[in-house]
Protein backbone atom coordinates (compact mmCIF):
# COMPACT_ATOMS: atom_id res chain seq x y z
CA UNK A 1 0.00 0.00 0.00
CA UNK A 2 1.20 3.50 -0.88
CA UNK A 3 0.19 6.70 0.86
CA UNK A 4 0.63 10.16 -0.61
CA UNK A 5 0.07 13.34 1.39
CA UNK A 6 0.13 16.74 -0.32
CA UNK A 7 0.83 20.04 1.37
CA UNK A 8 1.82 23.58 0.48
CA UNK A 9 -1.34 24.82 -1.17
CA UNK A 10 -2.87 28.16 -0.35
CA UNK A 11 -4.09 31.46 -1.72
CA UNK A 12 -1.75 33.77 -3.59
CA UNK A 13 -1.95 36.81 -5.81
CA UNK A 14 -1.40 36.48 -9.53
CA UNK A 15 2.30 36.46 -10.28
CA UNK A 16 3.14 34.84 -6.97
CA UNK A 17 4.71 31.47 -6.21
CA UNK A 18 3.91 28.32 -4.27
CA UNK A 19 5.76 25.08 -3.71
CA UNK A 20 3.67 21.96 -3.29
CA UNK A 21 5.03 18.90 -1.54
CA UNK A 22 3.90 15.29 -1.66
CA UNK A 23 5.24 12.96 1.00
CA UNK A 24 5.19 9.33 -0.07
CA UNK A 25 5.22 6.32 2.21
CA UNK A 26 4.48 2.63 2.12
CA UNK A 27 5.55 0.02 -0.38
CA UNK A 28 6.88 2.30 -3.08
CA UNK A 29 8.60 0.49 -5.90
CA UNK A 30 11.68 1.85 -7.59
CA UNK A 31 9.92 1.57 -10.94
CA UNK A 32 7.16 4.01 -9.94
CA UNK A 33 7.07 7.44 -11.48
CA UNK A 34 5.30 10.43 -9.95
CA UNK A 35 3.07 13.18 -11.26
CA UNK A 36 0.93 16.14 -10.37
CA UNK A 37 -2.66 16.54 -11.59
CA UNK A 38 -5.15 19.31 -11.02
CA UNK A 39 -8.92 19.42 -11.02
CA UNK A 40 -11.39 22.28 -11.30
CA UNK A 41 -15.11 21.59 -10.77
CA UNK A 42 -16.80 21.12 -14.12
CA UNK A 43 -13.55 20.54 -15.97
CA UNK A 44 -11.62 17.44 -16.93
CA UNK A 45 -8.72 16.39 -14.76
CA UNK A 46 -5.49 17.72 -16.18
CA UNK A 47 -2.03 16.26 -15.97
CA UNK A 48 0.27 19.08 -14.90
CA UNK A 49 3.73 17.58 -14.62
CA UNK A 50 5.43 14.20 -14.35
CA UNK A 51 8.89 12.96 -13.48
CA UNK A 52 10.19 9.62 -14.66
CA UNK A 53 12.81 7.20 -13.39
CA UNK A 54 15.53 8.52 -15.67
CA UNK A 55 14.91 12.07 -14.51
CA UNK A 56 13.03 13.15 -17.61
CA UNK A 57 10.00 15.36 -17.08
CA UNK A 58 6.72 16.25 -18.70
CA UNK A 59 4.85 19.53 -18.41
CA UNK A 60 1.48 20.55 -19.71
CA UNK A 61 1.77 23.34 -22.24
CA UNK A 62 -0.20 25.62 -19.95
CA UNK A 63 2.46 25.46 -17.21
CA UNK A 64 5.66 24.94 -19.18
CA UNK A 65 8.29 27.48 -18.24
CA UNK A 66 6.49 28.40 -15.01
CA UNK A 67 6.32 25.12 -13.06
CA UNK A 68 9.10 22.72 -12.13
CA UNK A 69 8.69 19.18 -10.83
CA UNK A 70 11.39 17.56 -8.74
CA UNK A 71 11.86 14.69 -6.32
CA UNK A 72 13.98 14.12 -3.24
CA UNK A 73 14.69 10.39 -3.17
CA UNK A 74 16.12 10.49 0.36
CA UNK A 75 13.02 12.14 1.79
CA UNK A 76 10.72 10.30 -0.63
CA UNK A 77 9.03 13.60 -1.38
CA UNK A 78 7.77 15.05 -4.64
CA UNK A 79 7.69 18.80 -5.23
CA UNK A 80 6.01 21.16 -7.62
CA UNK A 81 7.48 24.64 -7.73
CA UNK A 82 4.90 26.99 -9.21
CA UNK A 83 5.98 30.45 -10.32
CA UNK A 84 4.22 33.28 -12.12
CA UNK A 85 0.89 31.89 -11.02
CA UNK A 86 -2.25 32.80 -12.93
CA UNK A 87 -5.91 32.66 -11.90
CA UNK A 88 -6.30 29.79 -14.38
CA UNK A 89 -3.93 27.75 -12.21
CA UNK A 90 -6.57 27.63 -9.49
CA UNK A 91 -7.68 24.13 -8.59
CA UNK A 92 -7.18 21.09 -6.43
CA UNK A 93 -3.73 19.65 -6.97
CA UNK A 94 -3.13 15.94 -6.50
CA UNK A 95 0.03 13.91 -6.58
CA UNK A 96 -0.05 10.41 -7.99
CA UNK A 97 2.32 7.53 -8.55
CA UNK A 98 2.43 4.30 -10.50
CA UNK A 99 4.48 2.54 -13.16
CA UNK A 100 5.15 4.73 -16.15
CA UNK A 101 2.64 2.97 -18.41
CA UNK A 102 -0.25 3.66 -16.04
CA UNK A 103 0.85 7.20 -15.37
CA UNK A 104 1.19 8.07 -19.05
CA UNK A 105 -2.22 6.53 -19.72
CA UNK A 106 -3.70 8.87 -17.10
CA UNK A 107 -4.78 6.18 -14.64
CA UNK A 108 -2.22 5.89 -11.86
CA UNK A 109 -3.24 3.65 -8.97
CA UNK A 110 -2.21 5.81 -6.02
CA UNK A 111 -3.42 9.33 -5.28
CA UNK A 112 -3.04 11.84 -2.51
CA UNK A 113 -5.91 13.71 -0.87
CA UNK A 114 -5.22 16.94 -2.73
CA UNK A 115 -4.22 20.45 -1.76
CA UNK A 116 -6.11 23.56 -2.85
CA UNK A 117 -4.40 26.29 -4.84
CA UNK A 118 -6.23 29.57 -5.33
CA UNK A 119 -4.80 32.39 -7.42
CA UNK A 120 -6.59 35.73 -7.47
C-alpha atoms as a PDB file:
ATOM      1  CA  UNK A   1       0.000   0.000   0.000  1.00  0.00           C
ATOM      2  CA  UNK A   2       1.198   3.495  -0.882  1.00  0.00           C
ATOM      3  CA  UNK A   3       0.187   6.703   0.862  1.00  0.00           C
ATOM      4  CA  UNK A   4       0.633  10.164  -0.613  1.00  0.00           C
ATOM      5  CA  UNK A   5       0.068  13.344   1.392  1.00  0.00           C
ATOM      6  CA  UNK A   6       0.131  16.737  -0.318  1.00  0.00           C
ATOM      7  CA  UNK A   7       0.835  20.043   1.372  1.00  0.00           C
ATOM      8  CA  UNK A   8       1.815  23.579   0.476  1.00  0.00           C
ATOM      9  CA  UNK A   9      -1.344  24.822  -1.169  1.00  0.00           C
ATOM     10  CA  UNK A  10      -2.873  28.160  -0.348  1.00  0.00           C
ATOM     11  CA  UNK A  11      -4.089  31.460  -1.715  1.00  0.00           C
ATOM     12  CA  UNK A  12      -1.746  33.775  -3.586  1.00  0.00           C
ATOM     13  CA  UNK A  13      -1.947  36.807  -5.811  1.00  0.00           C
ATOM     14  CA  UNK A  14      -1.403  36.477  -9.531  1.00  0.00           C
ATOM     15  CA  UNK A  15       2.296  36.458 -10.283  1.00  0.00           C
ATOM     16  CA  UNK A  16       3.137  34.837  -6.969  1.00  0.00           C
ATOM     17  CA  UNK A  17       4.705  31.468  -6.213  1.00  0.00           C
ATOM     18  CA  UNK A  18       3.909  28.324  -4.271  1.00  0.00           C
ATOM     19  CA  UNK A  19       5.755  25.078  -3.711  1.00  0.00           C
ATOM     20  CA  UNK A  20       3.667  21.965  -3.294  1.00  0.00           C
ATOM     21  CA  UNK A  21       5.029  18.900  -1.536  1.00  0.00           C
ATOM     22  CA  UNK A  22       3.903  15.286  -1.662  1.00  0.00           C
ATOM     23  CA  UNK A  23       5.244  12.958   0.998  1.00  0.00           C
ATOM     24  CA  UNK A  24       5.188   9.328  -0.074  1.00  0.00           C
ATOM     25  CA  UNK A  25       5.218   6.318   2.215  1.00  0.00           C
ATOM     26  CA  UNK A  26       4.476   2.625   2.117  1.00  0.00           C
ATOM     27  CA  UNK A  27       5.554   0.019  -0.385  1.00  0.00           C
ATOM     28  CA  UNK A  28       6.876   2.298  -3.085  1.00  0.00           C
ATOM     29  CA  UNK A  29       8.604   0.490  -5.905  1.00  0.00           C
ATOM     30  CA  UNK A  30      11.677   1.852  -7.590  1.00  0.00           C
ATOM     31  CA  UNK A  31       9.925   1.569 -10.942  1.00  0.00           C
ATOM     32  CA  UNK A  32       7.163   4.006  -9.939  1.00  0.00           C
ATOM     33  CA  UNK A  33       7.066   7.444 -11.480  1.00  0.00           C
ATOM     34  CA  UNK A  34       5.300  10.428  -9.954  1.00  0.00           C
ATOM     35  CA  UNK A  35       3.074  13.176 -11.264  1.00  0.00           C
ATOM     36  CA  UNK A  36       0.926  16.143 -10.374  1.00  0.00           C
ATOM     37  CA  UNK A  37      -2.656  16.538 -11.593  1.00  0.00           C
ATOM     38  CA  UNK A  38      -5.148  19.310 -11.021  1.00  0.00           C
ATOM     39  CA  UNK A  39      -8.921  19.419 -11.016  1.00  0.00           C
ATOM     40  CA  UNK A  40     -11.387  22.279 -11.296  1.00  0.00           C
ATOM     41  CA  UNK A  41     -15.109  21.590 -10.773  1.00  0.00           C
ATOM     42  CA  UNK A  42     -16.796  21.125 -14.118  1.00  0.00           C
ATOM     43  CA  UNK A  43     -13.552  20.545 -15.972  1.00  0.00           C
ATOM     44  CA  UNK A  44     -11.623  17.440 -16.932  1.00  0.00           C
ATOM     45  CA  UNK A  45      -8.723  16.386 -14.758  1.00  0.00           C
ATOM     46  CA  UNK A  46      -5.491  17.716 -16.176  1.00  0.00           C
ATOM     47  CA  UNK A  47      -2.030  16.257 -15.973  1.00  0.00           C
ATOM     48  CA  UNK A  48       0.269  19.076 -14.899  1.00  0.00           C
ATOM     49  CA  UNK A  49       3.733  17.576 -14.617  1.00  0.00           C
ATOM     50  CA  UNK A  50       5.432  14.196 -14.354  1.00  0.00           C
ATOM     51  CA  UNK A  51       8.888  12.960 -13.481  1.00  0.00           C
ATOM     52  CA  UNK A  52      10.194   9.616 -14.663  1.00  0.00           C
ATOM     53  CA  UNK A  53      12.812   7.204 -13.388  1.00  0.00           C
ATOM     54  CA  UNK A  54      15.526   8.515 -15.669  1.00  0.00           C
ATOM     55  CA  UNK A  55      14.911  12.069 -14.515  1.00  0.00           C
ATOM     56  CA  UNK A  56      13.028  13.151 -17.606  1.00  0.00           C
ATOM     57  CA  UNK A  57      10.004  15.364 -17.076  1.00  0.00           C
ATOM     58  CA  UNK A  58       6.719  16.250 -18.699  1.00  0.00           C
ATOM     59  CA  UNK A  59       4.846  19.530 -18.413  1.00  0.00           C
ATOM     60  CA  UNK A  60       1.475  20.546 -19.712  1.00  0.00           C
ATOM     61  CA  UNK A  61       1.773  23.340 -22.244  1.00  0.00           C
ATOM     62  CA  UNK A  62      -0.196  25.624 -19.951  1.00  0.00           C
ATOM     63  CA  UNK A  63       2.458  25.462 -17.210  1.00  0.00           C
ATOM     64  CA  UNK A  64       5.658  24.939 -19.183  1.00  0.00           C
ATOM     65  CA  UNK A  65       8.291  27.478 -18.238  1.00  0.00           C
ATOM     66  CA  UNK A  66       6.495  28.396 -15.010  1.00  0.00           C
ATOM     67  CA  UNK A  67       6.316  25.125 -13.064  1.00  0.00           C
ATOM     68  CA  UNK A  68       9.104  22.723 -12.132  1.00  0.00           C
ATOM     69  CA  UNK A  69       8.690  19.181 -10.832  1.00  0.00           C
ATOM     70  CA  UNK A  70      11.389  17.565  -8.740  1.00  0.00           C
ATOM     71  CA  UNK A  71      11.858  14.690  -6.321  1.00  0.00           C
ATOM     72  CA  UNK A  72      13.981  14.117  -3.243  1.00  0.00           C
ATOM     73  CA  UNK A  73      14.688  10.391  -3.169  1.00  0.00           C
ATOM     74  CA  UNK A  74      16.124  10.487   0.355  1.00  0.00           C
ATOM     75  CA  UNK A  75      13.022  12.136   1.791  1.00  0.00           C
ATOM     76  CA  UNK A  76      10.715  10.302  -0.626  1.00  0.00           C
ATOM     77  CA  UNK A  77       9.031  13.600  -1.377  1.00  0.00           C
ATOM     78  CA  UNK A  78       7.771  15.047  -4.639  1.00  0.00           C
ATOM     79  CA  UNK A  79       7.687  18.796  -5.231  1.00  0.00           C
ATOM     80  CA  UNK A  80       6.014  21.159  -7.623  1.00  0.00           C
ATOM     81  CA  UNK A  81       7.485  24.642  -7.729  1.00  0.00           C
ATOM     82  CA  UNK A  82       4.900  26.986  -9.213  1.00  0.00           C
ATOM     83  CA  UNK A  83       5.984  30.449 -10.321  1.00  0.00           C
ATOM     84  CA  UNK A  84       4.217  33.281 -12.122  1.00  0.00           C
ATOM     85  CA  UNK A  85       0.888  31.888 -11.019  1.00  0.00           C
ATOM     86  CA  UNK A  86      -2.246  32.798 -12.935  1.00  0.00           C
ATOM     87  CA  UNK A  87      -5.906  32.659 -11.896  1.00  0.00           C
ATOM     88  CA  UNK A  88      -6.299  29.793 -14.377  1.00  0.00           C
ATOM     89  CA  UNK A  89      -3.925  27.749 -12.208  1.00  0.00           C
ATOM     90  CA  UNK A  90      -6.573  27.630  -9.488  1.00  0.00           C
ATOM     91  CA  UNK A  91      -7.684  24.125  -8.591  1.00  0.00           C
ATOM     92  CA  UNK A  92      -7.176  21.089  -6.432  1.00  0.00           C
ATOM     93  CA  UNK A  93      -3.725  19.650  -6.973  1.00  0.00           C
ATOM     94  CA  UNK A  94      -3.131  15.938  -6.503  1.00  0.00           C
ATOM     95  CA  UNK A  95       0.027  13.907  -6.582  1.00  0.00           C
ATOM     96  CA  UNK A  96      -0.050  10.410  -7.988  1.00  0.00           C
ATOM     97  CA  UNK A  97       2.315   7.533  -8.548  1.00  0.00           C
ATOM     98  CA  UNK A  98       2.428   4.296 -10.505  1.00  0.00           C
ATOM     99  CA  UNK A  99       4.477   2.543 -13.161  1.00  0.00           C
ATOM    100  CA  UNK A 100       5.154   4.728 -16.147  1.00  0.00           C
ATOM    101  CA  UNK A 101       2.645   2.965 -18.413  1.00  0.00           C
ATOM    102  CA  UNK A 102      -0.251   3.657 -16.045  1.00  0.00           C
ATOM    103  CA  UNK A 103       0.847   7.200 -15.375  1.00  0.00           C
ATOM    104  CA  UNK A 104       1.188   8.071 -19.047  1.00  0.00           C
ATOM    105  CA  UNK A 105      -2.224   6.531 -19.715  1.00  0.00           C
ATOM    106  CA  UNK A 106      -3.701   8.868 -17.103  1.00  0.00           C
ATOM    107  CA  UNK A 107      -4.777   6.178 -14.644  1.00  0.00           C
ATOM    108  CA  UNK A 108      -2.223   5.886 -11.857  1.00  0.00           C
ATOM    109  CA  UNK A 109      -3.241   3.655  -8.971  1.00  0.00           C
ATOM    110  CA  UNK A 110      -2.209   5.805  -6.024  1.00  0.00           C
ATOM    111  CA  UNK A 111      -3.421   9.329  -5.277  1.00  0.00           C
ATOM    112  CA  UNK A 112      -3.042  11.841  -2.508  1.00  0.00           C
ATOM    113  CA  UNK A 113      -5.911  13.708  -0.874  1.00  0.00           C
ATOM    114  CA  UNK A 114      -5.222  16.936  -2.731  1.00  0.00           C
ATOM    115  CA  UNK A 115      -4.225  20.450  -1.763  1.00  0.00           C
ATOM    116  CA  UNK A 116      -6.109  23.556  -2.853  1.00  0.00           C
ATOM    117  CA  UNK A 117      -4.397  26.289  -4.838  1.00  0.00           C
ATOM    118  CA  UNK A 118      -6.233  29.566  -5.326  1.00  0.00           C
ATOM    119  CA  UNK A 119      -4.805  32.389  -7.418  1.00  0.00           C
ATOM    120  CA  UNK A 120      -6.593  35.728  -7.471  1.00  0.00           C
END
